[in-house]
C-alpha atoms as a PDB file:
ATOM      1  CA  MET A   1     -16.320 -50.633  16.095  1.00  0.00           C
ATOM      2  CA  LEU A   2     -14.152 -53.588  14.897  1.00  0.00           C
ATOM      3  CA  VAL A   3     -15.782 -56.617  15.173  1.00  0.00           C
ATOM      4  CA  LYS A   4     -14.982 -60.566  14.402  1.00  0.00           C
ATOM      5  CA  ALA A   5     -18.021 -62.326  12.736  1.00  0.00           C
ATOM      6  CA  LYS A   6     -18.931 -65.885  14.507  1.00  0.00           C
ATOM      7  CA  TRP A   7     -21.063 -66.723  11.256  1.00  0.00           C
ATOM      8  CA  ASN A   8     -21.826 -65.210   7.737  1.00  0.00           C
ATOM      9  CA  VAL A   9     -23.389 -61.567   8.713  1.00  0.00           C
ATOM     10  CA  LYS A  10     -24.642 -58.993   6.064  1.00  0.00           C
ATOM     11  CA  ASP A  11     -24.100 -55.245   7.459  1.00  0.00           C
ATOM     12  CA  ALA A  12     -24.275 -51.871   5.145  1.00  0.00           C
ATOM     13  CA  SER A  13     -21.158 -52.885   3.665  1.00  0.00           C
ATOM     14  CA  GLY A  14     -22.197 -56.347   2.245  1.00  0.00           C
ATOM     15  CA  TRP A  15     -21.792 -59.764   3.516  1.00  0.00           C
ATOM     16  CA  HIS A  16     -19.281 -60.926   5.659  1.00  0.00           C
ATOM     17  CA  GLY A  17     -17.867 -64.488   6.416  1.00  0.00           C
ATOM     18  CA  ALA A  18     -17.424 -66.466   9.900  1.00  0.00           C
ATOM     19  CA  GLY A  19     -14.195 -65.424  11.313  1.00  0.00           C
ATOM     20  CA  ASP A  20     -14.021 -62.241   9.209  1.00  0.00           C
ATOM     21  CA  VAL A  21     -12.911 -59.132  10.759  1.00  0.00           C
ATOM     22  CA  PHE A  22     -14.357 -55.680   9.701  1.00  0.00           C
ATOM     23  CA  GLU A  23     -15.354 -52.545  10.533  1.00  0.00           C
ATOM     24  CA  THR A  24     -18.763 -51.299  11.149  1.00  0.00           C
ATOM     25  CA  GLU A  25     -21.203 -49.122  12.873  1.00  0.00           C
ATOM     26  CA  ASP A  26     -24.218 -51.240  12.813  1.00  0.00           C
ATOM     27  CA  ASN A  27     -25.206 -53.315  15.994  1.00  0.00           C
ATOM     28  CA  LEU A  28     -25.202 -56.976  14.862  1.00  0.00           C
ATOM     29  CA  GLY A  29     -25.951 -58.309  18.203  1.00  0.00           C
ATOM     30  CA  ASN A  30     -24.694 -61.783  19.234  1.00  0.00           C
ATOM     31  CA  ALA A  31     -23.545 -62.443  15.350  1.00  0.00           C
ATOM     32  CA  VAL A  32     -20.001 -60.601  16.162  1.00  0.00           C
ATOM     33  CA  GLU A  33     -17.856 -60.358  18.660  1.00  0.00           C
ATOM     34  CA  ILE A  34     -16.803 -57.001  19.480  1.00  0.00           C
ATOM     35  CA  LEU A  35     -12.934 -56.426  19.235  1.00  0.00           C
ATOM     36  CA  ASP A  36     -12.883 -52.511  19.821  1.00  0.00           C
ATOM     37  CA  ALA A  37     -15.533 -50.939  20.971  1.00  0.00           C
ATOM     38  CA  PRO A  38     -15.842 -46.915  20.768  1.00  0.00           C
ATOM     39  CA  LYS A  39     -14.925 -45.187  24.034  1.00  0.00           C
ATOM     40  CA  VAL A  40     -17.821 -43.376  25.582  1.00  0.00           C
ATOM     41  CA  LYS A  41     -17.076 -39.920  27.403  1.00  0.00           C
ATOM     42  CA  ALA A  42     -17.776 -39.696  31.013  1.00  0.00           C
ATOM     43  CA  ALA A  43     -19.991 -36.395  30.405  1.00  0.00           C
ATOM     44  CA  ASP A  44     -22.366 -37.913  27.920  1.00  0.00           C
ATOM     45  CA  VAL A  45     -22.921 -40.739  30.480  1.00  0.00           C
ATOM     46  CA  VAL A  46     -24.059 -38.363  33.115  1.00  0.00           C
ATOM     47  CA  LYS A  47     -25.884 -36.179  30.500  1.00  0.00           C
ATOM     48  CA  ALA A  48     -27.903 -39.030  29.531  1.00  0.00           C
ATOM     49  CA  VAL A  49     -28.360 -40.009  33.297  1.00  0.00           C
ATOM     50  CA  GLU A  50     -29.497 -36.408  33.881  1.00  0.00           C
ATOM     51  CA  GLU A  51     -32.085 -36.552  31.189  1.00  0.00           C
ATOM     52  CA  GLN A  52     -33.785 -39.488  32.658  1.00  0.00           C
ATOM     53  CA  ASP A  53     -36.672 -38.070  34.709  1.00  0.00           C
ATOM     54  CA  PRO A  54     -38.005 -40.511  37.209  1.00  0.00           C
ATOM     55  CA  ALA A  55     -41.404 -38.410  37.325  1.00  0.00           C
ATOM     56  CA  LYS A  56     -41.768 -39.126  33.529  1.00  0.00           C
ATOM     57  CA  GLU A  57     -42.101 -43.109  33.956  1.00  0.00           C
ATOM     58  CA  GLU A  58     -45.554 -44.502  33.819  1.00  0.00           C
ATOM     59  CA  VAL A  59     -46.744 -46.256  36.899  1.00  0.00           C
ATOM     60  CA  LYS A  60     -49.148 -48.933  35.671  1.00  0.00           C
ATOM     61  CA  ALA A  61     -51.904 -49.353  38.150  1.00  0.00           C
ATOM     62  CA  GLU A  62     -53.159 -52.630  38.560  1.00  0.00           C
ATOM     63  CA  LYS A  63     -56.646 -53.418  37.446  1.00  0.00           C
ATOM     64  CA  PRO A  64     -58.673 -55.251  39.777  1.00  0.00           C
ATOM     65  CA  LYS A  65     -59.332 -58.446  38.805  1.00  0.00           C
ATOM     66  CA  ALA A  66     -63.218 -59.078  37.768  1.00  0.00           C
ATOM     67  CA  ALA A  67     -64.719 -61.936  39.525  1.00  0.00           C
ATOM     68  CA  THR A  68     -67.570 -63.375  38.134  1.00  0.00           C
ATOM     69  CA  ARG A  69     -69.339 -66.377  39.355  1.00  0.00           C
ATOM     70  CA  ARG A  70     -70.648 -68.674  37.102  1.00  0.00           C
ATOM     71  CA  LYS A  71     -73.528 -71.207  37.599  1.00  0.00           C
ATOM     72  CA  ARG A  72     -73.344 -74.594  37.108  1.00  0.00           C
ATOM     73  CA  ILE A  73     -75.751 -76.105  35.403  1.00  0.00           C
ATOM     74  CA  SER A  74     -76.248 -79.769  36.498  1.00  0.00           C
ATOM     75  CA  GLU A  75     -77.733 -82.048  34.351  1.00  0.00           C
END
């Protein structure tokens, strides 16, 4: 994808200064502004959604809080 560096960043091809426009496949997060992102096919999106199985999602059971009572020692 084509990106523009917001500040000095390093990717697989080396260092890029602020304002440099370059091609990369790395995810550089907020350090770059994406100018041209690769197109995602609709079939790939549908396939990814179908692969997600809601039954596989783990449901965390909430543990009951153990209430302990402490004696106050009065002096």
